[in-house]
Protein backbone atom coordinates (compact mmCIF):
# COMPACT_ATOMS: atom_id res chain seq x y z
CA MET A 1 113.50 117.01 37.03
CA VAL A 2 110.89 119.47 38.98
CA LEU A 3 108.82 118.33 41.20
CA HIS A 4 105.33 119.54 42.49
CA SER A 5 105.45 118.99 46.36
CA GLY A 6 101.66 119.36 46.64
CA VAL A 7 101.55 121.69 49.13
CA GLU A 8 99.97 125.13 48.79
CA ARG A 9 100.90 127.90 49.83
CA GLN A 10 99.83 131.78 49.90
CA HIS A 11 102.57 134.41 49.56
CA ALA A 12 101.86 137.15 47.30
CA GLY A 13 100.37 139.17 50.06
CA GLY A 14 102.34 137.99 53.30
CA ASP A 15 105.42 136.36 53.08
CA TYR A 16 106.69 137.50 49.42
CA ASN A 17 106.08 141.42 50.60
CA THR A 18 107.48 141.31 53.76
CA ARG A 19 111.05 139.55 52.78
CA ARG A 20 111.02 142.87 50.27
CA SER A 21 110.62 144.71 53.05
CA GLU A 22 113.51 143.55 54.71
CA CYS A 23 115.98 143.52 52.27
CA GLU A 24 114.65 147.11 51.52
CA GLN A 25 115.49 147.79 55.14
CA VAL A 26 118.92 146.65 54.57
CA CYS A 27 119.68 148.87 51.22
CA ALA A 28 118.32 152.05 53.72
CA LEU A 29 120.81 150.55 56.53
CA LEU A 30 123.66 150.03 54.05
CA GLU A 31 122.86 152.66 51.46
CA VAL A 32 122.67 150.84 48.42
CA ALA A 33 120.04 150.60 45.74
CA SER A 34 119.96 146.88 46.14
CA LEU A 35 121.33 144.17 47.33
CA ARG A 36 122.53 143.08 43.76
CA ASP A 37 125.11 145.77 44.36
CA LEU A 38 126.75 143.85 47.34
CA GLY A 39 129.06 140.61 46.83
CA LEU A 40 131.01 138.57 49.10
CA THR A 41 133.04 140.44 50.11
CA ASP A 42 130.75 142.91 51.09
CA LEU A 43 129.15 139.95 53.66
CA PRO A 44 131.08 141.43 57.28
CA ARG A 45 128.52 144.47 56.56
CA LEU A 46 125.76 142.49 57.95
CA ASP A 47 127.59 142.30 61.21
CA GLY A 48 126.43 145.20 62.42
CA LEU A 49 122.61 144.61 61.70
CA PRO A 50 119.87 143.44 63.71
CA ASP A 51 119.93 139.56 63.21
CA LEU A 52 116.92 138.84 61.14
CA LEU A 53 117.95 141.25 58.66
CA ALA A 54 121.64 140.34 58.74
CA ARG A 55 120.10 136.98 57.42
CA ARG A 56 118.02 137.51 54.83
CA ALA A 57 120.33 139.92 53.22
CA ARG A 58 123.35 137.06 53.86
CA HIS A 59 120.65 134.90 51.37
CA VAL A 60 120.41 136.93 49.00
CA ILE A 61 124.46 137.92 48.27
CA THR A 62 125.06 134.61 48.78
CA GLU A 63 122.07 133.39 46.19
CA ASN A 64 123.67 135.66 43.55
CA ASP A 65 127.00 134.77 43.80
CA ARG A 66 125.67 130.90 43.81
CA VAL A 67 123.88 131.52 40.36
CA LEU A 68 127.47 132.82 39.09
CA GLN A 69 128.73 129.80 40.04
CA ALA A 70 126.04 126.99 38.81
CA VAL A 71 126.21 128.90 35.10
CA GLN A 72 130.37 128.35 35.47
CA ALA A 73 129.64 124.97 36.76
CA PHE A 74 127.09 124.03 33.76
CA ARG A 75 129.27 125.44 31.00
CA GLU A 76 132.01 123.54 32.50
CA GLY A 77 129.62 120.18 33.01
CA ASP A 78 130.22 119.84 36.47
CA LEU A 79 127.00 118.77 37.52
CA ALA A 80 128.17 117.17 41.29
CA GLY A 81 128.82 120.79 41.82
CA VAL A 82 125.74 122.39 40.57
CA GLY A 83 124.01 119.76 43.30
CA ARG A 84 126.31 121.15 45.99
CA LEU A 85 125.21 124.80 44.80
CA PHE A 86 121.77 123.52 44.98
CA LEU A 87 121.49 121.94 48.07
CA ALA A 88 123.77 125.25 49.59
CA SER A 89 120.56 127.43 47.96
CA HIS A 90 117.83 125.36 49.57
CA ALA A 91 119.61 125.34 52.66
CA SER A 92 120.16 129.32 52.71
CA MET A 93 116.03 129.56 51.70
CA ARG A 94 115.19 127.82 54.64
CA ASP A 95 117.20 129.01 57.17
CA ASP A 96 118.37 132.38 56.36
CA TYR A 97 115.38 133.73 54.52
CA GLU A 98 112.57 131.10 55.58
CA VAL A 99 110.62 131.02 52.88
CA SER A 100 110.60 126.58 53.05
CA VAL A 101 108.08 124.31 54.41
CA PRO A 102 108.77 121.00 56.18
CA GLU A 103 107.16 118.73 53.46
CA VAL A 104 109.49 120.43 50.84
CA ASP A 105 112.62 120.06 53.06
CA LEU A 106 112.21 116.67 53.43
CA ILE A 107 111.34 116.33 49.47
CA VAL A 108 114.77 117.65 49.36
CA GLU A 109 116.18 115.32 51.96
CA LEU A 110 114.96 112.47 50.93
CA ALA A 111 116.25 113.78 46.93
CA ARG A 112 119.69 113.64 48.74
CA ALA A 113 119.74 110.32 50.19
CA CYS A 114 119.52 108.92 46.48
CA GLY A 115 122.60 108.29 45.26
CA ASP A 116 121.38 109.10 41.49
CA VAL A 117 120.54 113.01 42.59
CA TYR A 118 123.30 115.72 42.31
CA GLY A 119 121.69 118.34 44.57
CA ALA A 120 117.76 119.50 45.22
CA ARG A 121 116.48 122.99 46.14
CA LEU A 122 113.38 124.68 46.75
CA THR A 123 111.86 126.46 43.52
CA GLY A 124 108.72 128.43 43.10
CA ALA A 125 105.63 129.01 44.85
CA ALA A 126 102.03 128.16 44.24
CA SER A 127 99.33 130.87 45.22
CA ALA A 128 95.98 130.55 44.70
CA GLU A 129 94.22 133.59 43.04
CA VAL A 130 90.38 133.96 44.37
């Protein structure tokens, strides 16, 4: 199920561009073309980075891995595993990438408290164009 939080936020010129720039800074510092080129075994390389950049990169690297794990979990019918990955994804978006908002965090926590819900996470973002 996809649930619209009703929270509108502007990101096109702000958060998105900021996060993209932060990730590009990490790539330059680590001398890689893209964060896609890094895997979980590369996480120790983030230790020498400024905390903010390390958190941004950690989110992208671990999120890429979670996507691959989720594909496998879906193939195996492991919905509980997918749910755990969704919850980990949301925590990473909230804590490392800092793109969630309190209202969405509350929805995720309320969903988590329901016995029939495997997992929940932030997805998408609305932007208003004038």
